[in-house]
Amino acid sequence: HDRRATMVLDPSAMKVTELRAELAKRGLDTSGLKAALQERLTEAVRAEVKAEAGDDAAAAAAQEVKAEADQAAPATEVKEEAKAEPAPPAEPASAPAPPAEAADEGPPGTEEEGGAAPPPPPD
């Protein structure tokens, strides 16, 4: 729709043939007396202006959302880059090596008072 046409359009100053032509362009009923045609076209123009205002508001809101998204985009890209590079696998914690004497120990309770383990049984 041409905004200037809807804003300049004054149904009260139009002839019946002009009213019918404008109503036909909009796919509206073209029958009736001049007063009915004027009222029908006036309502159609109001609806168009309201829709255009809604479109403008929606477009402005979309631009605002896009601007906010553009400002937030660098932070999002950094996060995505961090996700793209997997962290190197952590090395498993190695268990501390047992003391040399502990390897010679037998079952619990076999140590003597001096702390030394008894000699292993003969084969």
PDB file of N, CA and C in Angstrom:
ATOM      1  N   HIS A   1       0.832  -1.192   0.000  1.00  0.00           N
ATOM      2  CA  HIS A   1       0.000   0.000   0.000  1.00  0.00           C
ATOM      3  C   HIS A   1       0.869   1.245   0.000  1.00  0.00           C
ATOM      4  N   ASP A   2       0.400   2.274  -0.674  1.00  0.00           N
ATOM      5  CA  ASP A   2       1.112   3.538  -0.694  1.00  0.00           C
ATOM      6  C   ASP A   2       0.604   4.366   0.469  1.00  0.00           C
ATOM      7  N   ARG A   3       1.470   4.636   1.427  1.00  0.00           N
ATOM      8  CA  ARG A   3       1.052   5.370   2.627  1.00  0.00           C
ATOM      9  C   ARG A   3       0.516   6.748   2.292  1.00  0.00           C
ATOM     10  N   ARG A   4       1.159   7.440   1.342  1.00  0.00           N
ATOM     11  CA  ARG A   4       0.711   8.788   1.017  1.00  0.00           C
ATOM     12  C   ARG A   4      -0.703   8.751   0.476  1.00  0.00           C
ATOM     13  N   ALA A   5      -1.036   7.727  -0.263  1.00  0.00           N
ATOM     14  CA  ALA A   5      -2.381   7.625  -0.830  1.00  0.00           C
ATOM     15  C   ALA A   5      -3.413   7.443   0.271  1.00  0.00           C
ATOM     16  N   THR A   6      -3.116   6.631   1.272  1.00  0.00           N
ATOM     17  CA  THR A   6      -4.088   6.407   2.329  1.00  0.00           C
ATOM     18  C   THR A   6      -4.204   7.616   3.250  1.00  0.00           C
ATOM     19  N   MET A   7      -3.117   8.375   3.399  1.00  0.00           N
ATOM     20  CA  MET A   7      -3.173   9.534   4.273  1.00  0.00           C
ATOM     21  C   MET A   7      -3.861  10.714   3.587  1.00  0.00           C
ATOM     22  N   VAL A   8      -3.728  10.827   2.256  1.00  0.00           N
ATOM     23  CA  VAL A   8      -4.310  11.941   1.515  1.00  0.00           C
ATOM     24  C   VAL A   8      -5.757  11.633   1.151  1.00  0.00           C
ATOM     25  N   LEU A   9      -6.107  10.364   1.091  1.00  0.00           N
ATOM     26  CA  LEU A   9      -7.433   9.937   0.670  1.00  0.00           C
ATOM     27  C   LEU A   9      -8.490  10.489   1.620  1.00  0.00           C
ATOM     28  N   ASP A  10      -9.448  11.258   1.054  1.00  0.00           N
ATOM     29  CA  ASP A  10     -10.526  11.835   1.858  1.00  0.00           C
ATOM     30  C   ASP A  10     -11.849  11.406   1.249  1.00  0.00           C
ATOM     31  N   PRO A  11     -12.429  10.324   1.758  1.00  0.00           N
ATOM     32  CA  PRO A  11     -13.675   9.818   1.163  1.00  0.00           C
ATOM     33  C   PRO A  11     -14.804  10.842   1.119  1.00  0.00           C
ATOM     34  N   SER A  12     -14.844  11.770   2.047  1.00  0.00           N
ATOM     35  CA  SER A  12     -15.938  12.738   2.061  1.00  0.00           C
ATOM     36  C   SER A  12     -15.879  13.712   0.884  1.00  0.00           C
ATOM     37  N   ALA A  13     -14.715  13.857   0.257  1.00  0.00           N
ATOM     38  CA  ALA A  13     -14.563  14.771  -0.874  1.00  0.00           C
ATOM     39  C   ALA A  13     -14.585  14.043  -2.209  1.00  0.00           C
ATOM     40  N   MET A  14     -14.824  12.726  -2.204  1.00  0.00           N
ATOM     41  CA  MET A  14     -14.751  11.939  -3.438  1.00  0.00           C
ATOM     42  C   MET A  14     -16.119  11.771  -4.082  1.00  0.00           C
ATOM     43  N   LYS A  15     -16.099  11.553  -5.405  1.00  0.00           N
ATOM     44  CA  LYS A  15     -17.314  11.265  -6.162  1.00  0.00           C
ATOM     45  C   LYS A  15     -17.630   9.788  -6.004  1.00  0.00           C
ATOM     46  N   VAL A  16     -18.844   9.396  -6.299  1.00  0.00           N
ATOM     47  CA  VAL A  16     -19.282   8.005  -6.167  1.00  0.00           C
ATOM     48  C   VAL A  16     -18.396   7.084  -7.011  1.00  0.00           C
ATOM     49  N   THR A  17     -18.050   7.480  -8.237  1.00  0.00           N
ATOM     50  CA  THR A  17     -17.211   6.619  -9.088  1.00  0.00           C
ATOM     51  C   THR A  17     -15.834   6.435  -8.471  1.00  0.00           C
ATOM     52  N   GLU A  18     -15.297   7.481  -7.848  1.00  0.00           N
ATOM     53  CA  GLU A  18     -13.984   7.387  -7.193  1.00  0.00           C
ATOM     54  C   GLU A  18     -14.065   6.489  -5.958  1.00  0.00           C
ATOM     55  N   LEU A  19     -15.161   6.659  -5.216  1.00  0.00           N
ATOM     56  CA  LEU A  19     -15.359   5.814  -4.027  1.00  0.00           C
ATOM     57  C   LEU A  19     -15.416   4.343  -4.430  1.00  0.00           C
ATOM     58  N   ARG A  20     -16.196   4.052  -5.470  1.00  0.00           N
ATOM     59  CA  ARG A  20     -16.324   2.661  -5.916  1.00  0.00           C
ATOM     60  C   ARG A  20     -14.990   2.111  -6.414  1.00  0.00           C
ATOM     61  N   ALA A  21     -14.216   2.931  -7.085  1.00  0.00           N
ATOM     62  CA  ALA A  21     -12.921   2.485  -7.606  1.00  0.00           C
ATOM     63  C   ALA A  21     -11.984   2.146  -6.432  1.00  0.00           C
ATOM     64  N   GLU A  22     -11.956   2.987  -5.411  1.00  0.00           N
ATOM     65  CA  GLU A  22     -11.094   2.737  -4.238  1.00  0.00           C
ATOM     66  C   GLU A  22     -11.562   1.512  -3.468  1.00  0.00           C
ATOM     67  N   LEU A  23     -12.874   1.342  -3.343  1.00  0.00           N
ATOM     68  CA  LEU A  23     -13.404   0.158  -2.654  1.00  0.00           C
ATOM     69  C   LEU A  23     -13.079  -1.108  -3.449  1.00  0.00           C
ATOM     70  N   ALA A  24     -13.176  -1.034  -4.774  1.00  0.00           N
ATOM     71  CA  ALA A  24     -12.875  -2.194  -5.620  1.00  0.00           C
ATOM     72  C   ALA A  24     -11.401  -2.578  -5.494  1.00  0.00           C
ATOM     73  N   LYS A  25     -10.514  -1.578  -5.417  1.00  0.00           N
ATOM     74  CA  LYS A  25      -9.075  -1.854  -5.239  1.00  0.00           C
ATOM     75  C   LYS A  25      -8.827  -2.673  -3.980  1.00  0.00           C
ATOM     76  N   ARG A  26      -9.657  -2.434  -2.984  1.00  0.00           N
ATOM     77  CA  ARG A  26      -9.483  -3.102  -1.690  1.00  0.00           C
ATOM     78  C   ARG A  26     -10.308  -4.383  -1.584  1.00  0.00           C
ATOM     79  N   GLY A  27     -11.034  -4.705  -2.646  1.00  0.00           N
ATOM     80  CA  GLY A  27     -11.839  -5.917  -2.646  1.00  0.00           C
ATOM     81  C   GLY A  27     -13.082  -5.798  -1.781  1.00  0.00           C
ATOM     82  N   LEU A  28     -13.550  -4.559  -1.576  1.00  0.00           N
ATOM     83  CA  LEU A  28     -14.723  -4.332  -0.735  1.00  0.00           C
ATOM     84  C   LEU A  28     -15.968  -4.141  -1.592  1.00  0.00           C
ATOM     85  N   ASP A  29     -17.126  -4.243  -0.951  1.00  0.00           N
ATOM     86  CA  ASP A  29     -18.413  -4.073  -1.619  1.00  0.00           C
ATOM     87  C   ASP A  29     -18.517  -2.668  -2.204  1.00  0.00           C
ATOM     88  N   THR A  30     -18.906  -2.587  -3.462  1.00  0.00           N
ATOM     89  CA  THR A  30     -19.004  -1.282  -4.144  1.00  0.00           C
ATOM     90  C   THR A  30     -20.448  -0.827  -4.324  1.00  0.00           C
ATOM     91  N   SER A  31     -21.411  -1.548  -3.748  1.00  0.00           N
ATOM     92  CA  SER A  31     -22.814  -1.172  -3.919  1.00  0.00           C
ATOM     93  C   SER A  31     -23.278  -0.284  -2.769  1.00  0.00           C
ATOM     94  N   GLY A  32     -24.308   0.502  -3.044  1.00  0.00           N
ATOM     95  CA  GLY A  32     -24.897   1.341  -2.010  1.00  0.00           C
ATOM     96  C   GLY A  32     -24.852   2.809  -2.357  1.00  0.00           C
ATOM     97  N   LEU A  33     -25.457   3.599  -1.486  1.00  0.00           N
ATOM     98  CA  LEU A  33     -25.474   5.041  -1.680  1.00  0.00           C
ATOM     99  C   LEU A  33     -24.129   5.648  -1.335  1.00  0.00           C
ATOM    100  N   LYS A  34     -23.941   6.908  -1.744  1.00  0.00           N
ATOM    101  CA  LYS A  34     -22.657   7.598  -1.534  1.00  0.00           C
ATOM    102  C   LYS A  34     -22.268   7.585  -0.060  1.00  0.00           C
ATOM    103  N   ALA A  35     -23.203   7.832   0.848  1.00  0.00           N
ATOM    104  CA  ALA A  35     -22.902   7.875   2.284  1.00  0.00           C
ATOM    105  C   ALA A  35     -22.373   6.522   2.764  1.00  0.00           C
ATOM    106  N   ALA A  36     -22.956   5.426   2.293  1.00  0.00           N
ATOM    107  CA  ALA A  36     -22.514   4.081   2.686  1.00  0.00           C
ATOM    108  C   ALA A  36     -21.124   3.800   2.113  1.00  0.00           C
ATOM    109  N   LEU A  37     -20.897   4.229   0.868  1.00  0.00           N
ATOM    110  CA  LEU A  37     -19.588   4.028   0.243  1.00  0.00           C
ATOM    111  C   LEU A  37     -18.514   4.819   1.000  1.00  0.00           C
ATOM    112  N   GLN A  38     -18.853   6.057   1.359  1.00  0.00           N
ATOM    113  CA  GLN A  38     -17.902   6.888   2.106  1.00  0.00           C
ATOM    114  C   GLN A  38     -17.565   6.265   3.452  1.00  0.00           C
ATOM    115  N   GLU A  39     -18.577   5.778   4.146  1.00  0.00           N
ATOM    116  CA  GLU A  39     -18.351   5.149   5.458  1.00  0.00           C
ATOM    117  C   GLU A  39     -17.491   3.891   5.315  1.00  0.00           C
ATOM    118  N   ARG A  40     -17.803   3.067   4.308  1.00  0.00           N
ATOM    119  CA  ARG A  40     -17.058   1.826   4.083  1.00  0.00           C
ATOM    120  C   ARG A  40     -15.586   2.126   3.756  1.00  0.00           C
ATOM    121  N   LEU A  41     -15.358   3.118   2.910  1.00  0.00           N
ATOM    122  CA  LEU A  41     -13.992   3.466   2.530  1.00  0.00           C
ATOM    123  C   LEU A  41     -13.245   4.111   3.702  1.00  0.00           C
ATOM    124  N   THR A  42     -13.948   4.934   4.470  1.00  0.00           N
ATOM    125  CA  THR A  42     -13.319   5.562   5.646  1.00  0.00           C
ATOM    126  C   THR A  42     -12.849   4.490   6.624  1.00  0.00           C
ATOM    127  N   GLU A  43     -13.676   3.497   6.878  1.00  0.00           N
ATOM    128  CA  GLU A  43     -13.297   2.397   7.783  1.00  0.00           C
ATOM    129  C   GLU A  43     -12.105   1.615   7.218  1.00  0.00           C
ATOM    130  N   ALA A  44     -12.118   1.387   5.904  1.00  0.00           N
ATOM    131  CA  ALA A  44     -11.019   0.644   5.273  1.00  0.00           C
ATOM    132  C   ALA A  44      -9.710   1.419   5.407  1.00  0.00           C
ATOM    133  N   VAL A  45      -9.782   2.732   5.192  1.00  0.00           N
ATOM    134  CA  VAL A  45      -8.577   3.562   5.294  1.00  0.00           C
ATOM    135  C   VAL A  45      -8.077   3.570   6.733  1.00  0.00           C
ATOM    136  N   ARG A  46      -8.980   3.692   7.683  1.00  0.00           N
ATOM    137  CA  ARG A  46      -8.578   3.659   9.113  1.00  0.00           C
ATOM    138  C   ARG A  46      -7.886   2.340   9.441  1.00  0.00           C
ATOM    139  N   ALA A  47      -8.440   1.244   8.955  1.00  0.00           N
ATOM    140  CA  ALA A  47      -7.842  -0.072   9.210  1.00  0.00           C
ATOM    141  C   ALA A  47      -6.450  -0.159   8.585  1.00  0.00           C
ATOM    142  N   GLU A  48      -6.301   0.401   7.378  1.00  0.00           N
ATOM    143  CA  GLU A  48      -4.992   0.377   6.715  1.00  0.00           C
ATOM    144  C   GLU A  48      -3.972   1.197   7.486  1.00  0.00           C
ATOM    145  N   VAL A  49      -4.391   2.379   7.938  1.00  0.00           N
ATOM    146  CA  VAL A  49      -3.482   3.252   8.693  1.00  0.00           C
ATOM    147  C   VAL A  49      -3.084   2.574   9.991  1.00  0.00           C
ATOM    148  N   LYS A  50      -4.055   1.950  10.641  1.00  0.00           N
ATOM    149  CA  LYS A  50      -3.774   1.247  11.903  1.00  0.00           C
ATOM    150  C   LYS A  50      -2.815   0.078  11.653  1.00  0.00           C
ATOM    151  N   ALA A  51      -3.052  -0.661  10.577  1.00  0.00           N
ATOM    152  CA  ALA A  51      -2.168  -1.792  10.243  1.00  0.00           C
ATOM    153  C   ALA A  51      -0.773  -1.295   9.918  1.00  0.00           C
ATOM    154  N   GLU A  52      -0.689  -0.175   9.173  1.00  0.00           N
ATOM    155  CA  GLU A  52       0.621   0.388   8.849  1.00  0.00           C
ATOM    156  C   GLU A  52       1.328   0.851  10.112  1.00  0.00           C
ATOM    157  N   ALA A  53       0.572   1.448  11.030  1.00  0.00           N
ATOM    158  CA  ALA A  53       1.176   1.885  12.296  1.00  0.00           C
ATOM    159  C   ALA A  53       1.649   0.666  13.075  1.00  0.00           C
ATOM    160  N   GLY A  54       0.866  -0.395  13.039  1.00  0.00           N
ATOM    161  CA  GLY A  54       1.268  -1.636  13.695  1.00  0.00           C
ATOM    162  C   GLY A  54       2.498  -2.222  13.028  1.00  0.00           C
ATOM    163  N   ASP A  55       2.542  -2.151  11.685  1.00  0.00           N
ATOM    164  CA  ASP A  55       3.711  -2.631  10.949  1.00  0.00           C
ATOM    165  C   ASP A  55       4.930  -1.815  11.320  1.00  0.00           C
ATOM    166  N   ASP A  56       4.753  -0.485  11.443  1.00  0.00           N
ATOM    167  CA  ASP A  56       5.869   0.378  11.820  1.00  0.00           C
ATOM    168  C   ASP A  56       6.351   0.036  13.223  1.00  0.00           C
ATOM    169  N   ALA A  57       5.400  -0.176  14.133  1.00  0.00           N
ATOM    170  CA  ALA A  57       5.781  -0.528  15.503  1.00  0.00           C
ATOM    171  C   ALA A  57       6.469  -1.883  15.530  1.00  0.00           C
ATOM    172  N   ALA A  58       5.952  -2.822  14.760  1.00  0.00           N
ATOM    173  CA  ALA A  58       6.566  -4.148  14.708  1.00  0.00           C
ATOM    174  C   ALA A  58       7.956  -4.066  14.086  1.00  0.00           C
ATOM    175  N   ALA A  59       8.100  -3.230  13.042  1.00  0.00           N
ATOM    176  CA  ALA A  59       9.406  -3.072  12.403  1.00  0.00           C
ATOM    177  C   ALA A  59      10.392  -2.415  13.367  1.00  0.00           C
ATOM    178  N   ALA A  60       9.917  -1.414  14.105  1.00  0.00           N
ATOM    179  CA  ALA A  60      10.793  -0.748  15.078  1.00  0.00           C
ATOM    180  C   ALA A  60      11.205  -1.720  16.174  1.00  0.00           C
ATOM    181  N   ALA A  61      10.261  -2.529  16.639  1.00  0.00           N
ATOM    182  CA  ALA A  61      10.579  -3.510  17.679  1.00  0.00           C
ATOM    183  C   ALA A  61      11.567  -4.548  17.138  1.00  0.00           C
ATOM    184  N   ALA A  62      11.387  -4.963  15.895  1.00  0.00           N
ATOM    185  CA  ALA A  62      12.300  -5.942  15.296  1.00  0.00           C
ATOM    186  C   ALA A  62      13.702  -5.351  15.166  1.00  0.00           C
ATOM    187  N   GLN A  63      13.777  -4.054  14.787  1.00  0.00           N
ATOM    188  CA  GLN A  63      15.087  -3.409  14.686  1.00  0.00           C
ATOM    189  C   GLN A  63      15.745  -3.318  16.053  1.00  0.00           C
ATOM    190  N   GLU A  64      14.947  -3.024  17.069  1.00  0.00           N
ATOM    191  CA  GLU A  64      15.493  -2.924  18.434  1.00  0.00           C
ATOM    192  C   GLU A  64      16.021  -4.279  18.897  1.00  0.00           C
ATOM    193  N   VAL A  65      15.272  -5.326  18.643  1.00  0.00           N
ATOM    194  CA  VAL A  65      15.710  -6.676  19.022  1.00  0.00           C
ATOM    195  C   VAL A  65      16.983  -7.042  18.264  1.00  0.00           C
ATOM    196  N   LYS A  66      17.035  -6.692  16.972  1.00  0.00           N
ATOM    197  CA  LYS A  66      18.227  -6.991  16.171  1.00  0.00           C
ATOM    198  C   LYS A  66      19.431  -6.235  16.723  1.00  0.00           C
ATOM    199  N   ALA A  67      19.235  -4.962  17.093  1.00  0.00           N
ATOM    200  CA  ALA A  67      20.344  -4.170  17.633  1.00  0.00           C
ATOM    201  C   ALA A  67      20.859  -4.790  18.929  1.00  0.00           C
ATOM    202  N   GLU A  68      19.940  -5.233  19.781  1.00  0.00           N
ATOM    203  CA  GLU A  68      20.341  -5.876  21.041  1.00  0.00           C
ATOM    204  C   GLU A  68      21.077  -7.177  20.750  1.00  0.00           C
ATOM    205  N   ALA A  69      20.601  -7.923  19.762  1.00  0.00           N
ATOM    206  CA  ALA A  69      21.251  -9.188  19.409  1.00  0.00           C
ATOM    207  C   ALA A  69      22.641  -8.931  18.841  1.00  0.00           C
ATOM    208  N   ASP A  70      22.777  -7.859  18.049  1.00  0.00           N
ATOM    209  CA  ASP A  70      24.085  -7.522  17.491  1.00  0.00           C
ATOM    210  C   ASP A  70      25.070  -7.161  18.594  1.00  0.00           C
ATOM    211  N   GLN A  71      24.592  -6.454  19.614  1.00  0.00           N
ATOM    212  CA  GLN A  71      25.471  -6.087  20.730  1.00  0.00           C
ATOM    213  C   GLN A  71      25.874  -7.325  21.516  1.00  0.00           C
ATOM    214  N   ALA A  72      24.986  -8.270  21.652  1.00  0.00           N
ATOM    215  CA  ALA A  72      25.268  -9.482  22.421  1.00  0.00           C
ATOM    216  C   ALA A  72      26.032 -10.517  21.587  1.00  0.00           C
ATOM    217  N   ALA A  73      26.050 -10.361  20.274  1.00  0.00           N
ATOM    218  CA  ALA A  73      26.656 -11.354  19.391  1.00  0.00           C
ATOM    219  C   ALA A  73      28.127 -11.625  19.697  1.00  0.00           C
ATOM    220  N   PRO A  74      28.989 -10.615  19.934  1.00  0.00           N
ATOM    221  CA  PRO A  74      30.396 -10.941  20.196  1.00  0.00           C
ATOM    222  C   PRO A  74      30.573 -11.870  21.399  1.00  0.00           C
ATOM    223  N   ALA A  75      29.821 -11.646  22.451  1.00  0.00           N
ATOM    224  CA  ALA A  75      29.933 -12.512  23.629  1.00  0.00           C
ATOM    225  C   ALA A  75      29.500 -13.929  23.273  1.00  0.00           C
ATOM    226  N   THR A  76      28.464 -14.059  22.475  1.00  0.00           N
ATOM    227  CA  THR A  76      27.986 -15.370  22.069  1.00  0.00           C
ATOM    228  C   THR A  76      29.034 -16.064  21.215  1.00  0.00           C
ATOM    229  N   GLU A  77      29.682 -15.304  20.302  1.00  0.00           N
ATOM    230  CA  GLU A  77      30.692 -15.916  19.445  1.00  0.00           C
ATOM    231  C   GLU A  77      31.868 -16.430  20.272  1.00  0.00           C
ATOM    232  N   VAL A  78      32.258 -15.690  21.301  1.00  0.00           N
ATOM    233  CA  VAL A  78      33.367 -16.128  22.143  1.00  0.00           C
ATOM    234  C   VAL A  78      32.991 -17.427  22.832  1.00  0.00           C
ATOM    235  N   LYS A  79      31.767 -17.496  23.331  1.00  0.00           N
ATOM    236  CA  LYS A  79      31.325 -18.722  23.993  1.00  0.00           C
ATOM    237  C   LYS A  79      31.339 -19.882  23.016  1.00  0.00           C
ATOM    238  N   GLU A  80      30.895 -19.642  21.763  1.00  0.00           N
ATOM    239  CA  GLU A  80      30.881 -20.715  20.779  1.00  0.00           C
ATOM    240  C   GLU A  80      32.296 -21.163  20.450  1.00  0.00           C
ATOM    241  N   GLU A  81      33.245 -20.206  20.386  1.00  0.00           N
ATOM    242  CA  GLU A  81      34.631 -20.582  20.116  1.00  0.00           C
ATOM    243  C   GLU A  81      35.174 -21.441  21.248  1.00  0.00           C
ATOM    244  N   ALA A  82      34.821 -21.069  22.470  1.00  0.00           N
ATOM    245  CA  ALA A  82      35.290 -21.845  23.617  1.00  0.00           C
ATOM    246  C   ALA A  82      34.745 -23.273  23.536  1.00  0.00           C
ATOM    247  N   LYS A  83      33.495 -23.402  23.072  1.00  0.00           N
ATOM    248  CA  LYS A  83      32.913 -24.726  22.948  1.00  0.00           C
ATOM    249  C   LYS A  83      33.571 -25.508  21.814  1.00  0.00           C
ATOM    250  N   ALA A  84      34.008 -24.805  20.775  1.00  0.00           N
ATOM    251  CA  ALA A  84      34.577 -25.473  19.615  1.00  0.00           C
ATOM    252  C   ALA A  84      35.910 -26.140  19.934  1.00  0.00           C
ATOM    253  N   GLU A  85      36.699 -25.561  20.848  1.00  0.00           N
ATOM    254  CA  GLU A  85      37.981 -26.164  21.225  1.00  0.00           C
ATOM    255  C   GLU A  85      37.788 -26.985  22.487  1.00  0.00           C
ATOM    256  N   PRO A  86      37.781 -28.307  22.370  1.00  0.00           N
ATOM    257  CA  PRO A  86      37.599 -29.105  23.577  1.00  0.00           C
ATOM    258  C   PRO A  86      38.823 -28.973  24.488  1.00  0.00           C
ATOM    259  N   ALA A  87      38.577 -28.988  25.745  1.00  0.00           N
ATOM    260  CA  ALA A  87      39.664 -28.897  26.714  1.00  0.00           C
ATOM    261  C   ALA A  87      40.491 -30.169  26.622  1.00  0.00           C
ATOM    262  N   PRO A  88      41.815 -30.066  26.813  1.00  0.00           N
ATOM    263  CA  PRO A  88      42.620 -31.283  26.766  1.00  0.00           C
ATOM    264  C   PRO A  88      42.183 -32.224  27.879  1.00  0.00           C
ATOM    265  N   PRO A  89      42.218 -33.527  27.616  1.00  0.00           N
ATOM    266  CA  PRO A  89      41.757 -34.465  28.650  1.00  0.00           C
ATOM    267  C   PRO A  89      42.638 -34.357  29.897  1.00  0.00           C
ATOM    268  N   ALA A  90      41.992 -34.361  31.019  1.00  0.00           N
ATOM    269  CA  ALA A  90      42.728 -34.279  32.286  1.00  0.00           C
ATOM    270  C   ALA A  90      43.451 -35.597  32.511  1.00  0.00           C
ATOM    271  N   GLU A  91      44.681 -35.497  32.965  1.00  0.00           N
ATOM    272  CA  GLU A  91      45.436 -36.714  33.243  1.00  0.00           C
ATOM    273  C   GLU A  91      44.907 -37.318  34.534  1.00  0.00           C
ATOM    274  N   PRO A  92      44.716 -38.633  34.544  1.00  0.00           N
ATOM    275  CA  PRO A  92      44.204 -39.238  35.783  1.00  0.00           C
ATOM    276  C   PRO A  92      45.227 -39.055  36.901  1.00  0.00           C
ATOM    277  N   ALA A  93      44.697 -38.780  38.059  1.00  0.00           N
ATOM    278  CA  ALA A  93      45.594 -38.616  39.210  1.00  0.00           C
ATOM    279  C   ALA A  93      46.254 -39.957  39.493  1.00  0.00           C
ATOM    280  N   SER A  94      47.576 -39.961  39.510  1.00  0.00           N
ATOM    281  CA  SER A  94      48.261 -41.223  39.757  1.00  0.00           C
ATOM    282  C   SER A  94      48.277 -41.487  41.257  1.00  0.00           C
ATOM    283  N   ALA A  95      48.030 -42.724  41.598  1.00  0.00           N
ATOM    284  CA  ALA A  95      48.019 -43.101  43.011  1.00  0.00           C
ATOM    285  C   ALA A  95      49.454 -43.047  43.536  1.00  0.00           C
ATOM    286  N   PRO A  96      49.634 -42.587  44.744  1.00  0.00           N
ATOM    287  CA  PRO A  96      51.003 -42.540  45.274  1.00  0.00           C
ATOM    288  C   PRO A  96      51.581 -43.955  45.345  1.00  0.00           C
ATOM    289  N   ALA A  97      52.828 -44.043  44.998  1.00  0.00           N
ATOM    290  CA  ALA A  97      53.492 -45.348  45.022  1.00  0.00           C
ATOM    291  C   ALA A  97      53.586 -45.827  46.469  1.00  0.00           C
ATOM    292  N   PRO A  98      53.299 -47.104  46.712  1.00  0.00           N
ATOM    293  CA  PRO A  98      53.370 -47.603  48.098  1.00  0.00           C
ATOM    294  C   PRO A  98      54.835 -47.637  48.554  1.00  0.00           C
ATOM    295  N   PRO A  99      55.060 -47.430  49.835  1.00  0.00           N
ATOM    296  CA  PRO A  99      56.425 -47.507  50.342  1.00  0.00           C
ATOM    297  C   PRO A  99      56.990 -48.907  50.076  1.00  0.00           C
ATOM    298  N   ALA A 100      58.281 -48.989  49.920  1.00  0.00           N
ATOM    299  CA  ALA A 100      58.929 -50.259  49.609  1.00  0.00           C
ATOM    300  C   ALA A 100      58.638 -51.311  50.660  1.00  0.00           C
ATOM    301  N   GLU A 101      58.603 -50.920  51.947  1.00  0.00           N
ATOM    302  CA  GLU A 101      58.345 -51.902  52.998  1.00  0.00           C
ATOM    303  C   GLU A 101      56.928 -52.436  52.931  1.00  0.00           C
ATOM    304  N   ALA A 102      55.967 -51.582  52.463  1.00  0.00           N
ATOM    305  CA  ALA A 102      54.567 -51.997  52.442  1.00  0.00           C
ATOM    306  C   ALA A 102      54.369 -53.144  51.466  1.00  0.00           C
ATOM    307  N   ALA A 103      55.160 -53.229  50.432  1.00  0.00           N
ATOM    308  CA  ALA A 103      55.008 -54.295  49.452  1.00  0.00           C
ATOM    309  C   ALA A 103      55.343 -55.643  50.061  1.00  0.00           C
ATOM    310  N   ASP A 104      56.172 -55.692  51.130  1.00  0.00           N
ATOM    311  CA  ASP A 104      56.564 -56.948  51.753  1.00  0.00           C
ATOM    312  C   ASP A 104      55.597 -57.379  52.842  1.00  0.00           C
ATOM    313  N   GLU A 105      54.646 -56.551  53.163  1.00  0.00           N
ATOM    314  CA  GLU A 105      53.754 -56.874  54.286  1.00  0.00           C
ATOM    315  C   GLU A 105      52.818 -58.010  53.912  1.00  0.00           C
ATOM    316  N   GLY A 106      52.480 -58.786  54.880  1.00  0.00           N
ATOM    317  CA  GLY A 106      51.524 -59.865  54.701  1.00  0.00           C
ATOM    318  C   GLY A 106      50.155 -59.398  55.144  1.00  0.00           C
ATOM    319  N   PRO A 107      49.300 -60.316  55.485  1.00  0.00           N
ATOM    320  CA  PRO A 107      47.951 -59.958  55.952  1.00  0.00           C
ATOM    321  C   PRO A 107      48.042 -59.150  57.241  1.00  0.00           C
ATOM    322  N   PRO A 108      47.043 -58.331  57.516  1.00  0.00           N
ATOM    323  CA  PRO A 108      47.070 -57.505  58.729  1.00  0.00           C
ATOM    324  C   PRO A 108      47.205 -58.368  59.984  1.00  0.00           C
ATOM    325  N   GLY A 109      47.879 -57.810  60.981  1.00  0.00           N
ATOM    326  CA  GLY A 109      48.045 -58.510  62.258  1.00  0.00           C
ATOM    327  C   GLY A 109      49.213 -59.468  62.274  1.00  0.00           C
ATOM    328  N   THR A 110      50.003 -59.543  61.246  1.00  0.00           N
ATOM    329  CA  THR A 110      51.146 -60.455  61.221  1.00  0.00           C
ATOM    330  C   THR A 110      52.439 -59.748  61.583  1.00  0.00           C
ATOM    331  N   GLU A 111      52.397 -58.415  61.736  1.00  0.00           N
ATOM    332  CA  GLU A 111      53.623 -57.710  62.088  1.00  0.00           C
ATOM    333  C   GLU A 111      53.987 -57.995  63.546  1.00  0.00           C
ATOM    334  N   GLU A 112      55.228 -57.999  63.802  1.00  0.00           N
ATOM    335  CA  GLU A 112      55.693 -58.178  65.165  1.00  0.00           C
ATOM    336  C   GLU A 112      55.755 -56.835  65.825  1.00  0.00           C
ATOM    337  N   GLU A 113      56.057 -56.819  67.127  1.00  0.00           N
ATOM    338  CA  GLU A 113      56.133 -55.600  67.895  1.00  0.00           C
ATOM    339  C   GLU A 113      57.156 -54.652  67.344  1.00  0.00           C
ATOM    340  N   GLY A 114      58.204 -55.088  66.785  1.00  0.00           N
ATOM    341  CA  GLY A 114      59.269 -54.237  66.286  1.00  0.00           C
ATOM    342  C   GLY A 114      58.905 -53.584  64.974  1.00  0.00           C
ATOM    343  N   GLY A 115      57.812 -53.933  64.372  1.00  0.00           N
ATOM    344  CA  GLY A 115      57.387 -53.327  63.123  1.00  0.00           C
ATOM    345  C   GLY A 115      57.873 -54.087  61.927  1.00  0.00           C
ATOM    346  N   ALA A 116      58.685 -55.077  62.096  1.00  0.00           N
ATOM    347  CA  ALA A 116      59.183 -55.831  60.946  1.00  0.00           C
ATOM    348  C   ALA A 116      58.251 -56.983  60.676  1.00  0.00           C
ATOM    349  N   ALA A 117      58.038 -57.297  59.450  1.00  0.00           N
ATOM    350  CA  ALA A 117      57.168 -58.412  59.085  1.00  0.00           C
ATOM    351  C   ALA A 117      57.962 -59.705  59.209  1.00  0.00           C
ATOM    352  N   PRO A 118      57.273 -60.824  59.536  1.00  0.00           N
ATOM    353  CA  PRO A 118      57.979 -62.102  59.626  1.00  0.00           C
ATOM    354  C   PRO A 118      58.431 -62.545  58.264  1.00  0.00           C
ATOM    355  N   PRO A 119      59.441 -63.359  58.192  1.00  0.00           N
ATOM    356  CA  PRO A 119      59.901 -63.840  56.900  1.00  0.00           C
ATOM    357  C   PRO A 119      58.829 -64.671  56.217  1.00  0.00           C
ATOM    358  N   PRO A 120      58.826 -64.700  54.911  1.00  0.00           N
ATOM    359  CA  PRO A 120      57.789 -65.471  54.212  1.00  0.00           C
ATOM    360  C   PRO A 120      57.965 -66.968  54.484  1.00  0.00           C
ATOM    361  N   PRO A 121      56.905 -67.725  54.456  1.00  0.00           N
ATOM    362  CA  PRO A 121      57.002 -69.164  54.709  1.00  0.00           C
ATOM    363  C   PRO A 121      57.816 -69.850  53.613  1.00  0.00           C
ATOM    364  N   PRO A 122      58.537 -70.937  53.963  1.00  0.00           N
ATOM    365  CA  PRO A 122      59.320 -71.656  52.963  1.00  0.00           C
ATOM    366  C   PRO A 122      58.407 -72.348  51.960  1.00  0.00           C
ATOM    367  N   ASP A 123      58.917 -72.545  50.790  1.00  0.00           N
ATOM    368  CA  ASP A 123      58.125 -73.188  49.736  1.00  0.00           C
ATOM    369  C   ASP A 123      58.072 -74.647  49.879  1.00  0.00           C
TER     370      ASP A 123
END
